[in-house]
Amino acid sequence: MFGSSWIPMARANCHDFPNRVWHLTHRCHQREFLFKCLWLLTLILSSLGCTVIHHSPETVRGDLAYQLFVAISEGDVETAQTLLAEGVNPNIVDSSGASPLHHAAADNDLEIARLLLSAGAKVDALTLGKTTPLMWAAHFGRTEAAQLLLENGADVNWRGSHEETPLIEAVLHEHYDTAQTLLAHGADVNAALVEGATALDIAVRSGDQNLIQLLRNAGAK
């Protein structure tokens, strides 16, 4: 993927990067190979105009961007507000491409989510897997966060890398209230995954009668 190639080895798998071979059965080489992959990922994200930080012991702890992610994880509104006022970009991303708003949505932290949105956070920011904050809220059943994002213009029918939508995420994880909220905001009830399964197919498979009825009442076929 990154210009590497597989080299046949009798005893261990390895990758060939310029001037270096790692044997992935060796613990020290596994660690170094991981760091090389993270470095390459950082280059790719940087070329796309993203600001990247890494949550690891090697991260410089004084980094303001890192502190913003910590503040969000701890629900520390005051610190988050201070950092944003000092100029920290609300659209920074972690190594998965997730923004602070993704994490606030997953935590159902409405106060921090509002703070980020008011500071210019992109409501439909994308991770490397093409998921939005609304999709994270749907995945975890964070109905209040989903409502807030929708009120701020989130795309209710955004499709991820497997054609999944926020509604499909909510149904897949059996979050009735979140699914109901998404439908009330215009979610496409008949959107399908790459393999053709719709939200109704998923609900039928799980046997959730409440979701089945909700989807059928909304016009699911």
N, C-alpha and C. Protein backbone atom coordinates (compact mmCIF):
# COMPACT_ATOMS: atom_id res chain seq x y z
N MET A 1 0.83 -1.21 0.00
CA MET A 1 0.00 0.00 0.00
C MET A 1 0.85 1.25 0.00
N PHE A 2 1.94 1.22 0.77
CA PHE A 2 2.79 2.39 0.89
C PHE A 2 4.09 2.19 0.13
N GLY A 3 4.03 1.49 -1.00
CA GLY A 3 5.24 1.25 -1.76
C GLY A 3 6.03 0.10 -1.20
N SER A 4 5.42 -0.70 -0.32
CA SER A 4 6.11 -1.83 0.26
C SER A 4 5.84 -3.07 -0.57
N SER A 5 6.57 -4.14 -0.30
CA SER A 5 6.33 -5.39 -1.00
C SER A 5 6.56 -6.55 -0.06
N TRP A 6 5.88 -7.65 -0.32
CA TRP A 6 6.07 -8.85 0.50
C TRP A 6 7.31 -9.61 0.00
N ILE A 7 8.14 -10.07 0.92
CA ILE A 7 9.33 -10.84 0.57
C ILE A 7 9.17 -12.23 1.18
N PRO A 8 9.25 -13.31 0.41
CA PRO A 8 9.12 -14.65 0.96
C PRO A 8 10.20 -14.90 2.00
N MET A 9 9.79 -15.36 3.17
CA MET A 9 10.74 -15.66 4.23
C MET A 9 10.40 -17.04 4.79
N ALA A 10 11.42 -17.80 5.15
CA ALA A 10 11.20 -19.15 5.65
C ALA A 10 10.60 -19.16 7.04
N ARG A 11 10.96 -18.16 7.86
CA ARG A 11 10.57 -18.23 9.27
C ARG A 11 9.67 -17.10 9.70
N ALA A 12 9.56 -16.01 8.95
CA ALA A 12 8.79 -14.87 9.45
C ALA A 12 8.29 -14.02 8.30
N ASN A 13 7.14 -13.37 8.55
CA ASN A 13 6.65 -12.40 7.58
C ASN A 13 7.45 -11.12 7.72
N CYS A 14 7.62 -10.39 6.63
CA CYS A 14 8.33 -9.12 6.71
C CYS A 14 7.82 -8.17 5.66
N HIS A 15 8.03 -6.90 5.88
CA HIS A 15 7.75 -5.87 4.90
C HIS A 15 9.07 -5.24 4.50
N ASP A 16 9.16 -4.81 3.26
CA ASP A 16 10.37 -4.17 2.78
C ASP A 16 10.10 -2.68 2.55
N PHE A 17 10.61 -1.84 3.45
CA PHE A 17 10.61 -0.41 3.24
C PHE A 17 12.02 -0.04 2.79
N PRO A 18 12.16 1.14 2.19
CA PRO A 18 13.50 1.53 1.72
C PRO A 18 14.56 1.38 2.79
N ASN A 19 15.59 0.60 2.50
CA ASN A 19 16.75 0.42 3.37
C ASN A 19 16.44 -0.28 4.68
N ARG A 20 15.29 -0.94 4.78
CA ARG A 20 14.98 -1.56 6.06
C ARG A 20 14.06 -2.75 5.89
N VAL A 21 14.30 -3.83 6.62
CA VAL A 21 13.40 -4.99 6.64
C VAL A 21 13.00 -5.27 8.08
N TRP A 22 11.70 -5.45 8.30
CA TRP A 22 11.20 -5.78 9.64
C TRP A 22 10.68 -7.21 9.64
N HIS A 23 11.08 -7.97 10.65
CA HIS A 23 10.52 -9.30 10.85
C HIS A 23 9.40 -9.16 11.88
N LEU A 24 8.16 -9.36 11.45
CA LEU A 24 7.03 -9.03 12.31
C LEU A 24 6.83 -10.01 13.45
N THR A 25 7.61 -11.09 13.49
CA THR A 25 7.54 -11.98 14.66
C THR A 25 8.45 -11.49 15.77
N HIS A 26 9.27 -10.49 15.49
CA HIS A 26 10.15 -9.93 16.51
C HIS A 26 9.47 -8.73 17.14
N ARG A 27 9.33 -8.75 18.46
CA ARG A 27 8.57 -7.69 19.14
C ARG A 27 9.12 -6.30 18.86
N CYS A 28 10.41 -6.14 18.90
CA CYS A 28 10.99 -4.81 18.68
C CYS A 28 10.71 -4.33 17.27
N HIS A 29 10.72 -5.27 16.32
CA HIS A 29 10.46 -4.88 14.94
C HIS A 29 8.99 -4.60 14.72
N GLN A 30 8.10 -5.29 15.45
CA GLN A 30 6.68 -4.99 15.36
C GLN A 30 6.42 -3.56 15.79
N ARG A 31 7.06 -3.16 16.87
CA ARG A 31 6.88 -1.80 17.38
C ARG A 31 7.40 -0.76 16.39
N GLU A 32 8.58 -1.02 15.84
CA GLU A 32 9.17 -0.07 14.91
C GLU A 32 8.37 -0.01 13.61
N PHE A 33 7.85 -1.17 13.17
CA PHE A 33 7.03 -1.20 11.96
C PHE A 33 5.76 -0.39 12.17
N LEU A 34 5.15 -0.51 13.37
CA LEU A 34 3.96 0.26 13.68
C LEU A 34 4.23 1.75 13.61
N PHE A 35 5.35 2.18 14.19
CA PHE A 35 5.69 3.60 14.15
C PHE A 35 5.89 4.07 12.71
N LYS A 36 6.48 3.21 11.86
CA LYS A 36 6.68 3.58 10.46
C LYS A 36 5.34 3.76 9.76
N CYS A 37 4.40 2.86 10.04
CA CYS A 37 3.06 2.97 9.44
C CYS A 37 2.37 4.24 9.90
N LEU A 38 2.49 4.57 11.19
CA LEU A 38 1.88 5.79 11.70
C LEU A 38 2.50 7.02 11.06
N TRP A 39 3.81 6.96 10.85
CA TRP A 39 4.50 8.08 10.21
C TRP A 39 3.98 8.27 8.78
N LEU A 40 3.82 7.15 8.05
CA LEU A 40 3.31 7.23 6.69
C LEU A 40 1.88 7.75 6.66
N LEU A 41 1.07 7.32 7.64
CA LEU A 41 -0.30 7.79 7.73
C LEU A 41 -0.33 9.29 7.99
N THR A 42 0.58 9.76 8.84
CA THR A 42 0.68 11.18 9.12
C THR A 42 0.99 11.97 7.85
N LEU A 43 1.90 11.44 7.02
CA LEU A 43 2.25 12.12 5.77
C LEU A 43 1.04 12.22 4.85
N ILE A 44 0.27 11.14 4.79
CA ILE A 44 -0.92 11.14 3.91
C ILE A 44 -1.93 12.16 4.39
N LEU A 45 -2.22 12.15 5.70
CA LEU A 45 -3.19 13.10 6.24
C LEU A 45 -2.71 14.54 6.08
N SER A 46 -1.42 14.74 6.30
CA SER A 46 -0.87 16.10 6.16
C SER A 46 -1.00 16.59 4.73
N SER A 47 -0.81 15.67 3.77
CA SER A 47 -0.94 16.06 2.36
C SER A 47 -2.36 16.44 2.01
N LEU A 48 -3.33 15.97 2.82
CA LEU A 48 -4.74 16.31 2.61
C LEU A 48 -5.14 17.56 3.37
N GLY A 49 -4.17 18.18 4.02
CA GLY A 49 -4.44 19.42 4.74
C GLY A 49 -4.90 19.23 6.17
N CYS A 50 -4.72 18.02 6.72
CA CYS A 50 -5.17 17.75 8.09
C CYS A 50 -4.03 18.02 9.08
N THR A 51 -4.41 18.40 10.28
CA THR A 51 -3.46 18.51 11.39
C THR A 51 -3.59 17.25 12.22
N VAL A 52 -2.51 16.51 12.40
CA VAL A 52 -2.59 15.19 13.02
C VAL A 52 -1.86 15.16 14.34
N ILE A 53 -2.49 14.51 15.33
CA ILE A 53 -1.82 14.23 16.59
C ILE A 53 -1.96 12.74 16.85
N HIS A 54 -1.13 12.19 17.71
CA HIS A 54 -1.20 10.77 18.03
C HIS A 54 -1.35 10.60 19.53
N HIS A 55 -2.29 9.77 19.95
CA HIS A 55 -2.47 9.46 21.35
C HIS A 55 -1.52 8.34 21.72
N SER A 56 -0.33 8.65 22.15
CA SER A 56 0.66 7.64 22.51
C SER A 56 1.59 8.23 23.55
N PRO A 57 2.32 7.39 24.27
CA PRO A 57 3.26 7.89 25.28
C PRO A 57 4.31 8.80 24.68
N GLU A 58 4.54 8.65 23.37
CA GLU A 58 5.57 9.47 22.73
C GLU A 58 5.08 10.87 22.38
N THR A 59 3.77 11.10 22.49
CA THR A 59 3.23 12.41 22.16
C THR A 59 3.75 13.44 23.16
N VAL A 60 4.06 14.60 22.65
CA VAL A 60 4.50 15.67 23.54
C VAL A 60 3.29 16.12 24.37
N ARG A 61 3.33 15.91 25.66
CA ARG A 61 2.17 16.14 26.51
C ARG A 61 1.76 17.60 26.58
N GLY A 62 2.69 18.50 26.29
CA GLY A 62 2.34 19.91 26.34
C GLY A 62 1.63 20.40 25.10
N ASP A 63 1.48 19.55 24.12
CA ASP A 63 0.86 19.96 22.87
C ASP A 63 -0.59 20.36 23.11
N LEU A 64 -0.96 21.54 22.64
CA LEU A 64 -2.30 22.05 22.90
C LEU A 64 -3.38 21.21 22.23
N ALA A 65 -3.08 20.70 21.06
CA ALA A 65 -4.05 19.86 20.36
C ALA A 65 -4.33 18.60 21.16
N TYR A 66 -3.27 17.99 21.69
CA TYR A 66 -3.44 16.80 22.52
C TYR A 66 -4.28 17.13 23.74
N GLN A 67 -4.03 18.29 24.33
CA GLN A 67 -4.78 18.70 25.52
C GLN A 67 -6.26 18.87 25.23
N LEU A 68 -6.58 19.30 24.01
CA LEU A 68 -7.99 19.44 23.65
C LEU A 68 -8.68 18.08 23.63
N PHE A 69 -8.04 17.08 23.06
CA PHE A 69 -8.63 15.74 23.06
C PHE A 69 -8.78 15.20 24.48
N VAL A 70 -7.79 15.48 25.32
CA VAL A 70 -7.89 15.03 26.72
C VAL A 70 -9.06 15.72 27.41
N ALA A 71 -9.18 17.03 27.21
CA ALA A 71 -10.27 17.79 27.83
C ALA A 71 -11.63 17.24 27.40
N ILE A 72 -11.76 16.89 26.13
CA ILE A 72 -13.02 16.34 25.63
C ILE A 72 -13.30 14.98 26.24
N SER A 73 -12.28 14.15 26.33
CA SER A 73 -12.47 12.81 26.90
C SER A 73 -12.87 12.88 28.36
N GLU A 74 -12.46 13.95 29.04
CA GLU A 74 -12.79 14.12 30.46
C GLU A 74 -14.00 15.01 30.69
N GLY A 75 -14.60 15.51 29.61
CA GLY A 75 -15.75 16.39 29.74
C GLY A 75 -15.41 17.71 30.39
N ASP A 76 -14.18 18.15 30.21
CA ASP A 76 -13.68 19.39 30.82
C ASP A 76 -13.98 20.58 29.89
N VAL A 77 -15.15 21.16 30.06
CA VAL A 77 -15.60 22.24 29.19
C VAL A 77 -14.72 23.47 29.33
N GLU A 78 -14.37 23.81 30.54
CA GLU A 78 -13.58 25.03 30.78
C GLU A 78 -12.24 24.97 30.06
N THR A 79 -11.54 23.82 30.19
CA THR A 79 -10.25 23.69 29.52
C THR A 79 -10.41 23.70 28.01
N ALA A 80 -11.43 23.00 27.51
CA ALA A 80 -11.68 22.98 26.07
C ALA A 80 -11.93 24.39 25.56
N GLN A 81 -12.71 25.16 26.30
CA GLN A 81 -13.03 26.54 25.91
C GLN A 81 -11.77 27.39 25.88
N THR A 82 -10.91 27.23 26.88
CA THR A 82 -9.66 27.98 26.95
C THR A 82 -8.75 27.64 25.76
N LEU A 83 -8.64 26.36 25.46
CA LEU A 83 -7.77 25.93 24.36
C LEU A 83 -8.27 26.46 23.02
N LEU A 84 -9.57 26.41 22.82
CA LEU A 84 -10.13 26.93 21.57
C LEU A 84 -9.92 28.44 21.47
N ALA A 85 -10.04 29.13 22.61
CA ALA A 85 -9.81 30.58 22.63
C ALA A 85 -8.36 30.91 22.33
N GLU A 86 -7.46 29.99 22.65
CA GLU A 86 -6.03 30.19 22.39
C GLU A 86 -5.66 29.85 20.94
N GLY A 87 -6.66 29.42 20.18
CA GLY A 87 -6.41 29.20 18.76
C GLY A 87 -6.26 27.76 18.31
N VAL A 88 -6.55 26.79 19.20
CA VAL A 88 -6.47 25.39 18.78
C VAL A 88 -7.55 25.13 17.74
N ASN A 89 -7.18 24.49 16.67
CA ASN A 89 -8.09 24.20 15.56
C ASN A 89 -9.15 23.19 16.00
N PRO A 90 -10.43 23.53 15.93
CA PRO A 90 -11.48 22.58 16.33
C PRO A 90 -11.62 21.42 15.36
N ASN A 91 -10.93 21.49 14.21
CA ASN A 91 -11.01 20.43 13.22
C ASN A 91 -9.75 19.58 13.13
N ILE A 92 -8.92 19.61 14.17
CA ILE A 92 -7.78 18.71 14.22
C ILE A 92 -8.30 17.27 14.25
N VAL A 93 -7.45 16.33 13.89
CA VAL A 93 -7.88 14.93 13.89
C VAL A 93 -6.87 14.07 14.63
N ASP A 94 -7.36 12.93 15.14
CA ASP A 94 -6.45 11.97 15.74
C ASP A 94 -5.97 11.01 14.65
N SER A 95 -5.27 9.96 15.02
CA SER A 95 -4.66 9.08 14.03
C SER A 95 -5.68 8.27 13.23
N SER A 96 -6.95 8.25 13.67
CA SER A 96 -7.99 7.57 12.89
C SER A 96 -8.74 8.55 11.99
N GLY A 97 -8.35 9.82 12.08
CA GLY A 97 -9.02 10.85 11.30
C GLY A 97 -10.22 11.44 12.01
N ALA A 98 -10.48 11.02 13.24
CA ALA A 98 -11.63 11.51 13.99
C ALA A 98 -11.35 12.88 14.58
N SER A 99 -12.32 13.77 14.48
CA SER A 99 -12.20 15.12 15.01
C SER A 99 -12.71 15.18 16.45
N PRO A 100 -12.46 16.29 17.14
CA PRO A 100 -13.03 16.44 18.48
C PRO A 100 -14.54 16.28 18.50
N LEU A 101 -15.22 16.73 17.43
CA LEU A 101 -16.68 16.62 17.39
C LEU A 101 -17.12 15.16 17.32
N HIS A 102 -16.36 14.32 16.64
CA HIS A 102 -16.67 12.88 16.63
C HIS A 102 -16.70 12.34 18.06
N HIS A 103 -15.67 12.70 18.82
CA HIS A 103 -15.57 12.19 20.18
C HIS A 103 -16.66 12.77 21.09
N ALA A 104 -16.96 14.03 20.91
CA ALA A 104 -18.03 14.64 21.72
C ALA A 104 -19.37 13.98 21.41
N ALA A 105 -19.61 13.68 20.14
CA ALA A 105 -20.86 13.02 19.74
C ALA A 105 -20.94 11.63 20.35
N ALA A 106 -19.84 10.90 20.30
CA ALA A 106 -19.82 9.54 20.85
C ALA A 106 -20.06 9.54 22.35
N ASP A 107 -19.60 10.61 23.02
CA ASP A 107 -19.78 10.74 24.47
C ASP A 107 -21.11 11.38 24.85
N ASN A 108 -21.87 11.82 23.84
CA ASN A 108 -23.13 12.55 24.07
C ASN A 108 -22.90 13.79 24.93
N ASP A 109 -21.75 14.41 24.74
CA ASP A 109 -21.40 15.62 25.50
C ASP A 109 -21.90 16.83 24.72
N LEU A 110 -23.11 17.25 25.02
CA LEU A 110 -23.75 18.32 24.26
C LEU A 110 -23.07 19.66 24.47
N GLU A 111 -22.62 19.91 25.68
CA GLU A 111 -21.99 21.20 25.96
C GLU A 111 -20.72 21.38 25.16
N ILE A 112 -19.89 20.35 25.14
CA ILE A 112 -18.65 20.44 24.38
C ILE A 112 -18.95 20.44 22.88
N ALA A 113 -19.94 19.67 22.46
CA ALA A 113 -20.31 19.66 21.04
C ALA A 113 -20.74 21.05 20.59
N ARG A 114 -21.55 21.72 21.40
CA ARG A 114 -21.98 23.09 21.06
C ARG A 114 -20.79 24.03 21.01
N LEU A 115 -19.88 23.87 21.94
CA LEU A 115 -18.68 24.70 21.99
C LEU A 115 -17.85 24.52 20.73
N LEU A 116 -17.68 23.28 20.31
CA LEU A 116 -16.90 23.00 19.11
C LEU A 116 -17.57 23.56 17.86
N LEU A 117 -18.88 23.38 17.77
CA LEU A 117 -19.61 23.89 16.61
C LEU A 117 -19.53 25.41 16.53
N SER A 118 -19.63 26.05 17.68
CA SER A 118 -19.56 27.52 17.69
C SER A 118 -18.15 28.01 17.34
N ALA A 119 -17.16 27.14 17.55
CA ALA A 119 -15.77 27.50 17.23
C ALA A 119 -15.41 27.17 15.79
N GLY A 120 -16.37 26.61 15.06
CA GLY A 120 -16.11 26.32 13.64
C GLY A 120 -15.88 24.87 13.30
N ALA A 121 -16.21 23.95 14.20
CA ALA A 121 -16.04 22.53 13.89
C ALA A 121 -16.94 22.14 12.73
N LYS A 122 -16.41 21.32 11.83
CA LYS A 122 -17.19 20.86 10.68
C LYS A 122 -18.18 19.79 11.12
N VAL A 123 -19.46 20.05 10.90
CA VAL A 123 -20.49 19.14 11.39
C VAL A 123 -20.44 17.80 10.68
N ASP A 124 -19.95 17.78 9.44
CA ASP A 124 -19.84 16.54 8.69
C ASP A 124 -18.38 16.15 8.43
N ALA A 125 -17.52 16.40 9.41
CA ALA A 125 -16.12 16.01 9.30
C ALA A 125 -16.04 14.50 9.09
N LEU A 126 -15.05 14.06 8.30
CA LEU A 126 -14.94 12.64 7.97
C LEU A 126 -13.70 12.00 8.58
N THR A 127 -13.87 10.78 9.07
CA THR A 127 -12.74 9.98 9.51
C THR A 127 -12.13 9.30 8.28
N LEU A 128 -11.10 8.51 8.49
CA LEU A 128 -10.49 7.77 7.39
C LEU A 128 -11.48 6.76 6.81
N GLY A 129 -12.43 6.32 7.63
CA GLY A 129 -13.44 5.38 7.17
C GLY A 129 -14.69 6.06 6.63
N LYS A 130 -14.60 7.37 6.41
CA LYS A 130 -15.70 8.17 5.84
C LYS A 130 -16.92 8.21 6.77
N THR A 131 -16.70 8.21 8.07
CA THR A 131 -17.81 8.33 9.01
C THR A 131 -17.87 9.74 9.58
N THR A 132 -19.07 10.24 9.79
CA THR A 132 -19.29 11.58 10.31
C THR A 132 -19.60 11.53 11.81
N PRO A 133 -19.58 12.68 12.49
CA PRO A 133 -19.98 12.69 13.89
C PRO A 133 -21.40 12.15 14.10
N LEU A 134 -22.31 12.43 13.16
CA LEU A 134 -23.67 11.92 13.28
C LEU A 134 -23.68 10.39 13.23
N MET A 135 -22.83 9.81 12.42
CA MET A 135 -22.76 8.36 12.35
C MET A 135 -22.23 7.78 13.66
N TRP A 136 -21.31 8.48 14.30
CA TRP A 136 -20.82 8.03 15.60
C TRP A 136 -21.93 8.12 16.64
N ALA A 137 -22.68 9.20 16.60
CA ALA A 137 -23.80 9.35 17.54
C ALA A 137 -24.82 8.23 17.32
N ALA A 138 -25.11 7.92 16.05
CA ALA A 138 -26.06 6.86 15.73
C ALA A 138 -25.54 5.50 16.18
N HIS A 139 -24.28 5.26 15.95
CA HIS A 139 -23.66 3.98 16.32
C HIS A 139 -23.80 3.71 17.82
N PHE A 140 -23.58 4.76 18.63
CA PHE A 140 -23.61 4.59 20.08
C PHE A 140 -24.98 4.92 20.70
N GLY A 141 -25.95 5.27 19.85
CA GLY A 141 -27.27 5.57 20.39
C GLY A 141 -27.34 6.87 21.16
N ARG A 142 -26.56 7.84 20.75
CA ARG A 142 -26.55 9.15 21.44
C ARG A 142 -27.60 10.05 20.77
N THR A 143 -28.83 9.87 21.17
CA THR A 143 -29.95 10.54 20.51
C THR A 143 -29.87 12.06 20.63
N GLU A 144 -29.52 12.55 21.83
CA GLU A 144 -29.44 14.00 22.02
C GLU A 144 -28.35 14.61 21.15
N ALA A 145 -27.21 13.94 21.07
CA ALA A 145 -26.12 14.44 20.23
C ALA A 145 -26.53 14.41 18.77
N ALA A 146 -27.23 13.36 18.37
CA ALA A 146 -27.71 13.27 16.99
C ALA A 146 -28.65 14.42 16.67
N GLN A 147 -29.55 14.73 17.60
CA GLN A 147 -30.49 15.83 17.41
C GLN A 147 -29.75 17.15 17.25
N LEU A 148 -28.75 17.38 18.09
CA LEU A 148 -27.96 18.62 18.02
C LEU A 148 -27.25 18.73 16.68
N LEU A 149 -26.64 17.65 16.23
CA LEU A 149 -25.92 17.67 14.96
C LEU A 149 -26.87 17.92 13.79
N LEU A 150 -28.04 17.29 13.84
CA LEU A 150 -29.03 17.49 12.78
C LEU A 150 -29.52 18.93 12.74
N GLU A 151 -29.70 19.52 13.91
CA GLU A 151 -30.13 20.92 13.98
C GLU A 151 -29.06 21.86 13.42
N ASN A 152 -27.83 21.37 13.39
CA ASN A 152 -26.73 22.19 12.88
C ASN A 152 -26.33 21.79 11.46
N GLY A 153 -27.23 21.10 10.77
CA GLY A 153 -27.01 20.83 9.36
C GLY A 153 -26.33 19.53 8.99
N ALA A 154 -26.20 18.58 9.93
CA ALA A 154 -25.55 17.31 9.61
C ALA A 154 -26.33 16.57 8.51
N ASP A 155 -25.61 15.90 7.66
CA ASP A 155 -26.20 15.14 6.55
C ASP A 155 -26.79 13.84 7.09
N VAL A 156 -28.11 13.76 7.13
CA VAL A 156 -28.78 12.59 7.71
C VAL A 156 -28.63 11.36 6.83
N ASN A 157 -28.29 11.56 5.57
CA ASN A 157 -28.18 10.42 4.65
C ASN A 157 -26.76 10.21 4.13
N TRP A 158 -25.78 10.70 4.87
CA TRP A 158 -24.40 10.48 4.45
C TRP A 158 -24.10 8.98 4.41
N ARG A 159 -23.32 8.55 3.43
CA ARG A 159 -22.97 7.13 3.30
C ARG A 159 -21.48 6.93 3.56
N GLY A 160 -21.19 5.95 4.40
CA GLY A 160 -19.81 5.63 4.71
C GLY A 160 -19.17 4.75 3.66
N SER A 161 -18.04 4.20 3.97
CA SER A 161 -17.27 3.42 2.99
C SER A 161 -17.96 2.13 2.57
N HIS A 162 -18.92 1.68 3.36
CA HIS A 162 -19.69 0.48 3.00
C HIS A 162 -21.14 0.83 2.66
N GLU A 163 -21.34 2.11 2.35
CA GLU A 163 -22.68 2.63 2.03
C GLU A 163 -23.60 2.67 3.24
N GLU A 164 -23.03 2.55 4.44
CA GLU A 164 -23.85 2.64 5.64
C GLU A 164 -24.27 4.09 5.87
N THR A 165 -25.49 4.25 6.41
CA THR A 165 -26.02 5.57 6.74
C THR A 165 -26.17 5.66 8.25
N PRO A 166 -26.40 6.86 8.79
CA PRO A 166 -26.66 6.97 10.22
C PRO A 166 -27.82 6.08 10.66
N LEU A 167 -28.89 6.00 9.84
CA LEU A 167 -30.04 5.16 10.21
C LEU A 167 -29.64 3.69 10.28
N ILE A 168 -28.89 3.24 9.31
CA ILE A 168 -28.44 1.85 9.33
C ILE A 168 -27.59 1.57 10.56
N GLU A 169 -26.74 2.52 10.93
CA GLU A 169 -25.92 2.36 12.14
C GLU A 169 -26.80 2.24 13.38
N ALA A 170 -27.82 3.10 13.47
CA ALA A 170 -28.71 3.07 14.63
C ALA A 170 -29.47 1.75 14.71
N VAL A 171 -29.98 1.29 13.57
CA VAL A 171 -30.75 0.04 13.54
C VAL A 171 -29.85 -1.15 13.81
N LEU A 172 -28.67 -1.13 13.24
CA LEU A 172 -27.73 -2.23 13.43
C LEU A 172 -27.43 -2.47 14.91
N HIS A 173 -27.39 -1.37 15.67
CA HIS A 173 -27.09 -1.48 17.10
C HIS A 173 -28.34 -1.32 17.98
N GLU A 174 -29.50 -1.42 17.32
CA GLU A 174 -30.80 -1.47 18.00
C GLU A 174 -31.06 -0.25 18.90
N HIS A 175 -30.81 0.92 18.35
CA HIS A 175 -31.08 2.17 19.07
C HIS A 175 -32.37 2.78 18.53
N TYR A 176 -33.48 2.41 19.12
CA TYR A 176 -34.80 2.81 18.63
C TYR A 176 -34.97 4.33 18.62
N ASP A 177 -34.69 4.98 19.75
CA ASP A 177 -34.91 6.43 19.85
C ASP A 177 -34.07 7.20 18.83
N THR A 178 -32.84 6.75 18.64
CA THR A 178 -31.97 7.43 17.68
C THR A 178 -32.50 7.23 16.26
N ALA A 179 -32.94 6.02 15.95
CA ALA A 179 -33.51 5.75 14.63
C ALA A 179 -34.75 6.61 14.40
N GLN A 180 -35.56 6.74 15.41
CA GLN A 180 -36.78 7.55 15.31
C GLN A 180 -36.42 9.02 15.02
N THR A 181 -35.42 9.53 15.69
CA THR A 181 -34.98 10.90 15.48
C THR A 181 -34.46 11.10 14.07
N LEU A 182 -33.68 10.15 13.58
CA LEU A 182 -33.13 10.25 12.23
C LEU A 182 -34.25 10.22 11.18
N LEU A 183 -35.23 9.37 11.38
CA LEU A 183 -36.35 9.30 10.44
C LEU A 183 -37.14 10.61 10.44
N ALA A 184 -37.28 11.20 11.63
CA ALA A 184 -38.01 12.47 11.73
C ALA A 184 -37.30 13.59 10.99
N HIS A 185 -36.01 13.42 10.75
CA HIS A 185 -35.22 14.43 10.03
C HIS A 185 -34.93 14.02 8.59
N GLY A 186 -35.71 13.09 8.07
CA GLY A 186 -35.61 12.77 6.66
C GLY A 186 -34.67 11.66 6.26
N ALA A 187 -34.31 10.78 7.19
CA ALA A 187 -33.43 9.67 6.84
C ALA A 187 -34.10 8.78 5.79
N ASP A 188 -33.32 8.35 4.83
CA ASP A 188 -33.81 7.46 3.77
C ASP A 188 -34.00 6.06 4.35
N VAL A 189 -35.25 5.66 4.53
CA VAL A 189 -35.54 4.40 5.20
C VAL A 189 -35.17 3.19 4.34
N ASN A 190 -35.04 3.39 3.04
CA ASN A 190 -34.74 2.27 2.15
C ASN A 190 -33.30 2.27 1.63
N ALA A 191 -32.44 3.09 2.21
CA ALA A 191 -31.02 3.07 1.83
C ALA A 191 -30.45 1.69 2.15
N ALA A 192 -29.52 1.23 1.31
CA ALA A 192 -28.98 -0.11 1.48
C ALA A 192 -27.46 -0.12 1.54
N LEU A 193 -26.93 -1.12 2.22
CA LEU A 193 -25.49 -1.34 2.26
C LEU A 193 -25.00 -1.85 0.91
N VAL A 194 -23.69 -1.96 0.75
CA VAL A 194 -23.11 -2.43 -0.50
C VAL A 194 -23.70 -3.78 -0.90
N GLU A 195 -23.89 -4.67 0.08
CA GLU A 195 -24.39 -6.00 -0.24
C GLU A 195 -25.91 -6.04 -0.42
N GLY A 196 -26.57 -4.88 -0.24
CA GLY A 196 -28.00 -4.79 -0.51
C GLY A 196 -28.91 -4.79 0.68
N ALA A 197 -28.39 -4.99 1.88
CA ALA A 197 -29.24 -5.03 3.07
C ALA A 197 -29.69 -3.63 3.46
N THR A 198 -31.00 -3.48 3.73
CA THR A 198 -31.56 -2.22 4.20
C THR A 198 -31.69 -2.24 5.71
N ALA A 199 -32.10 -1.11 6.27
CA ALA A 199 -32.32 -1.04 7.72
C ALA A 199 -33.38 -2.06 8.14
N LEU A 200 -34.43 -2.21 7.31
CA LEU A 200 -35.48 -3.18 7.63
C LEU A 200 -34.94 -4.61 7.62
N ASP A 201 -34.12 -4.92 6.64
CA ASP A 201 -33.51 -6.26 6.59
C ASP A 201 -32.72 -6.54 7.87
N ILE A 202 -31.99 -5.53 8.32
CA ILE A 202 -31.18 -5.68 9.53
C ILE A 202 -32.06 -5.86 10.76
N ALA A 203 -33.15 -5.09 10.83
CA ALA A 203 -34.07 -5.20 11.97
C ALA A 203 -34.76 -6.56 11.99
N VAL A 204 -35.15 -7.04 10.82
CA VAL A 204 -35.79 -8.36 10.74
C VAL A 204 -34.81 -9.45 11.18
N ARG A 205 -33.58 -9.30 10.77
CA ARG A 205 -32.55 -10.27 11.13
C ARG A 205 -32.34 -10.31 12.64
N SER A 206 -32.39 -9.15 13.28
CA SER A 206 -32.18 -9.09 14.73
C SER A 206 -33.45 -9.44 15.51
N GLY A 207 -34.60 -9.35 14.84
CA GLY A 207 -35.86 -9.69 15.50
C GLY A 207 -36.42 -8.59 16.38
N ASP A 208 -35.94 -7.36 16.22
CA ASP A 208 -36.42 -6.24 17.03
C ASP A 208 -37.76 -5.75 16.46
N GLN A 209 -38.86 -6.17 17.08
CA GLN A 209 -40.19 -5.85 16.56
C GLN A 209 -40.50 -4.36 16.61
N ASN A 210 -40.00 -3.67 17.60
CA ASN A 210 -40.25 -2.22 17.68
C ASN A 210 -39.60 -1.48 16.52
N LEU A 211 -38.37 -1.85 16.21
CA LEU A 211 -37.69 -1.23 15.08
C LEU A 211 -38.34 -1.62 13.76
N ILE A 212 -38.74 -2.86 13.64
CA ILE A 212 -39.41 -3.31 12.42
C ILE A 212 -40.66 -2.49 12.17
N GLN A 213 -41.45 -2.30 13.21
CA GLN A 213 -42.69 -1.52 13.06
C GLN A 213 -42.39 -0.06 12.74
N LEU A 214 -41.39 0.50 13.41
CA LEU A 214 -41.00 1.89 13.17
C LEU A 214 -40.61 2.08 11.71
N LEU A 215 -39.80 1.19 11.19
CA LEU A 215 -39.31 1.31 9.82
C LEU A 215 -40.45 1.10 8.80
N ARG A 216 -41.32 0.14 9.06
CA ARG A 216 -42.44 -0.09 8.15
C ARG A 216 -43.40 1.10 8.14
N ASN A 217 -43.61 1.68 9.31
CA ASN A 217 -44.47 2.86 9.38
C ASN A 217 -43.88 4.03 8.61
N ALA A 218 -42.54 4.02 8.49
CA ALA A 218 -41.85 5.09 7.77
C ALA A 218 -41.73 4.80 6.28
N GLY A 219 -42.29 3.66 5.84
CA GLY A 219 -42.28 3.33 4.41
C GLY A 219 -41.25 2.35 3.96
N ALA A 220 -40.63 1.64 4.91
CA ALA A 220 -39.62 0.65 4.52
C ALA A 220 -40.26 -0.47 3.71
N LYS A 221 -39.53 -0.92 2.68
CA LYS A 221 -40.05 -1.98 1.81
C LYS A 221 -39.27 -3.27 2.00
